[in-house]
């Protein structure tokens, strides 16, 4: 990753709730050169991966929303996995984050270049 005239290039590993929240805040702060690297073929973190029967939230659904994208239409008090994943995908779409997600990019390492003041990120396919 290299710096651009408008600011640093920023990489976020993953695409779950935490990564979506960080991307939202960075975009809101005016950073434009950012991407999210996701090793899977879809965004969603644990809500994409945990699909066992009855998978859901153990926190009341109205509290399980981003403060800047509150969902007032949960179908039940403790939402199930599919509904939470759909919410996360909808928010990522609405906030312009989905196009920033690079699917199939497994981060396997990162090396700091002191002289260049930048990170080099290594991916599972051998690219940097």
Foldseek 3Di string as FASTA:
>chain_A
DAADPQGRAEEAEAAAPVSLVVVLVCVVVPDDRYAYEAQAQDHHPPLVVDDPPPAWAPQQQQVPDDPVQGDPDAPDRIHHSVVVSVRSVVSCVVSVNVVRYDYNWAWDDWDADPVRRDIDTATPVGHD
